[in-house]
Protein backbone atom coordinates (compact mmCIF):
# COMPACT_ATOMS: atom_id res chain seq x y z
CA MET A 1 154.92 97.01 156.44
CA HIS A 2 158.91 97.93 156.09
CA GLU A 3 160.11 95.21 158.52
CA ILE A 4 157.71 92.01 156.53
CA PHE A 5 158.06 93.72 152.69
CA ARG A 6 160.86 94.30 150.86
CA TYR A 7 159.82 95.89 147.74
CA GLU A 8 162.08 96.59 144.05
CA PRO A 9 160.75 99.34 142.65
CA GLU A 10 162.84 98.61 139.38
CA THR A 11 160.42 95.01 138.66
CA GLY A 12 157.34 96.01 140.49
CA LYS A 13 158.05 92.69 143.12
CA LEU A 14 157.20 92.31 146.98
CA PHE A 15 159.18 89.78 148.86
CA TRP A 16 158.68 88.24 152.08
CA LYS A 17 161.65 89.73 154.25
CA ILE A 18 161.51 87.19 157.05
CA ARG A 19 161.15 83.39 157.37
CA LYS A 20 158.60 82.66 160.47
CA SER A 21 157.12 84.62 162.91
CA GLY A 22 153.55 85.20 164.61
CA ILE A 23 152.56 87.48 161.76
CA LEU A 24 153.79 85.08 159.07
CA GLN A 25 153.91 81.66 158.44
CA ASN A 26 155.06 78.93 155.97
CA ARG A 27 156.65 81.72 154.53
CA GLY A 28 160.30 81.99 152.83
CA GLU A 29 162.19 84.56 153.34
CA ASN A 30 162.81 86.46 149.91
CA ARG A 31 160.07 84.30 148.03
CA GLU A 32 157.56 86.49 146.17
CA ALA A 33 154.80 87.78 148.48
CA GLY A 34 150.87 87.29 147.57
CA ASN A 35 148.83 85.04 145.48
CA PHE A 36 146.48 85.89 142.30
CA CYS A 37 143.36 86.78 143.15
CA ASN A 38 140.95 85.75 140.49
CA THR A 39 138.48 88.81 140.93
CA HIS A 40 140.23 91.75 140.12
CA LYS A 41 143.52 89.54 138.74
CA CYS A 42 146.08 91.17 141.18
CA ARG A 43 148.08 89.96 143.92
CA LYS A 44 146.92 89.82 147.54
CA VAL A 45 149.18 89.15 151.15
CA MET A 46 147.87 88.04 153.94
CA VAL A 47 149.03 89.77 157.03
CA ASN A 48 147.44 89.50 160.86
CA LYS A 49 144.77 87.19 159.37
CA LYS A 50 143.92 90.62 157.08
CA ASN A 51 144.37 90.62 153.14
CA TYR A 52 146.10 93.35 151.52
CA TYR A 53 146.13 94.20 147.85
CA VAL A 54 149.90 94.56 146.94
CA HIS A 55 149.76 97.66 144.77
CA ARG A 56 147.89 99.30 148.47
CA VAL A 57 151.29 97.81 150.04
CA VAL A 58 153.46 99.03 147.65
CA TRP A 59 152.01 102.60 147.52
CA PHE A 60 152.65 102.24 151.27
CA LEU A 61 156.26 101.26 151.41
CA HIS A 62 156.52 103.71 148.56
CA TYR A 63 154.81 106.39 149.66
CA GLY A 64 154.60 106.30 153.54
CA TYR A 65 150.83 106.55 154.35
CA TRP A 66 147.91 104.05 152.43
CA PRO A 67 146.15 105.48 149.62
CA THR A 68 142.40 106.79 150.20
CA LYS A 69 141.55 106.03 146.91
CA GLN A 70 141.62 103.07 144.34
CA ILE A 71 144.70 102.91 142.57
CA ASP A 72 144.63 102.44 138.81
CA TYR A 73 147.48 100.65 136.60
CA ILE A 74 148.46 103.09 134.05
CA ASN A 75 149.32 100.57 131.84
CA GLY A 76 145.77 98.09 132.81
CA ILE A 77 148.32 95.48 133.26
CA PRO A 78 147.20 94.04 137.02
CA SER A 79 150.37 92.40 137.51
CA ASP A 80 152.67 95.53 136.92
CA ASN A 81 152.95 96.74 140.50
CA ARG A 82 156.03 99.12 139.61
CA ILE A 83 155.23 102.56 141.48
CA CYS A 84 155.62 104.46 137.88
CA ASN A 85 152.87 102.35 137.04
CA LEU A 86 150.47 102.69 139.73
CA ARG A 87 148.28 106.26 140.60
CA GLU A 88 145.35 107.50 143.11
CA ALA A 89 142.43 107.20 141.16
CA SER A 90 138.61 108.10 141.73
CA ASP A 91 136.11 105.54 141.01
CA ALA A 92 135.75 107.61 137.94
CA GLU A 93 139.19 108.58 136.82
CA ASN A 94 139.86 104.76 137.28
CA LYS A 95 137.10 103.62 134.75
CA GLN A 96 138.61 106.40 132.71
CA ASN A 97 141.57 103.63 131.71
CA LEU A 98 139.60 100.21 131.34
CA GLY A 99 140.55 98.64 128.20
CA VAL A 100 138.35 96.71 125.63
CA ASN A 101 135.84 94.62 126.77
CA LYS A 102 135.65 91.22 125.60
CA LYS A 103 132.26 92.10 124.21
CA ASN A 104 133.39 94.47 122.12
CA THR A 105 133.08 93.06 118.41
CA THR A 106 134.90 96.30 116.90
CA GLY A 107 138.27 96.12 119.29
CA GLN A 108 138.07 99.91 119.85
CA THR A 109 135.96 100.98 123.17
CA GLY A 110 133.49 103.46 122.72
CA VAL A 111 132.81 102.18 118.76
CA CYS A 112 129.97 99.86 117.87
CA LEU A 113 129.03 98.39 114.71
CA ASP A 114 125.05 99.06 114.20
CA LYS A 115 123.87 95.78 112.58
CA ARG A 116 121.15 96.91 111.22
CA ASN A 117 122.15 99.57 108.63
CA GLY A 118 125.94 98.10 108.33
CA THR A 119 127.20 101.88 110.23
CA TYR A 120 129.59 102.42 113.41
CA TYR A 121 128.46 104.83 115.86
CA ALA A 122 130.75 105.96 118.65
CA ARG A 123 130.20 106.81 122.43
CA ILE A 124 131.57 107.63 125.84
CA TYR A 125 130.81 107.47 128.92
CA ASN A 126 130.72 110.67 131.28
CA LYS A 127 129.59 110.40 134.61
CA ARG A 128 127.81 107.47 134.49
CA LYS A 129 125.97 108.62 131.27
CA LYS A 130 126.57 107.90 127.91
CA ILE A 131 127.71 110.66 125.07
CA TYR A 132 126.63 109.91 121.43
CA SER A 133 129.18 110.90 119.31
CA GLY A 134 127.59 110.22 116.03
CA THR A 135 127.33 107.47 113.45
CA PHE A 136 129.43 106.69 110.82
CA LYS A 137 130.01 104.85 107.28
CA THR A 138 133.08 103.72 108.80
CA PHE A 139 134.89 102.25 111.77
CA GLU A 140 138.03 104.89 111.39
CA GLU A 141 135.79 107.78 111.67
CA ALA A 142 133.91 106.56 114.46
CA LYS A 143 137.25 105.27 116.25
CA GLN A 144 138.63 108.96 115.49
CA ALA A 145 135.18 110.41 116.68
CA TYR A 146 135.61 108.56 120.20
CA ILE A 147 139.61 109.67 120.45
CA ASP A 148 138.48 113.42 119.92
CA ALA A 149 135.71 113.26 122.52
CA LYS A 150 137.93 111.18 125.07
CA LYS A 151 140.53 113.80 124.86
CA HIS A 152 137.89 116.39 125.39
CA ILE A 153 136.40 114.34 128.28
CA HIS A 154 138.43 112.10 130.22
CA LYS A 155 140.75 114.78 131.45
CA PHE A 156 142.27 112.32 134.35
CA ASN A 157 143.22 109.67 131.13
CA PRO A 158 142.90 111.69 127.61
CA VAL A 159 144.87 108.82 125.78
CA GLN A 160 143.46 105.17 125.64
CA ARG A 161 145.61 102.77 126.07
CA SER A 162 146.69 99.90 123.89
CA CYS A 163 143.95 97.41 122.94
CA ILE A 164 143.67 94.93 126.69
CA TYR A 165 141.10 93.01 127.27
CA ILE A 166 139.15 93.17 130.45
């Protein structure tokens, strides 16, 4: 990989080092490597007819070994491959860093509006189980209950990042 790619840690970009060989075809030297994958919204590269996620190649180039777990984007932006934005995470840990779901109507992860009576409730997931923090008259109270529960339950990522929709 070191012979094929050049990585810029400041920008998080991966570039092809070589113009053409038996490994690569139609790749310009110093051209940014990879194409966007619609499924995961991150970049992929192909080497020896095998696809690799760019964030995993970046990890290998920086640390010298392939990650054994998933790679979590700390800021939630899959195109940001700066090494300071990447960390190894289990599936459960990675899920602690999800953004606000597109179907969420309150704009706050873990806070839902009960349309039947106009109250809000807070919930958080831990080990695939829903944990309810209660029902509240105001959105702000429910949001604070979720934030408090997140700090207590999600040790890997105790602070919710800004509203990035998934």
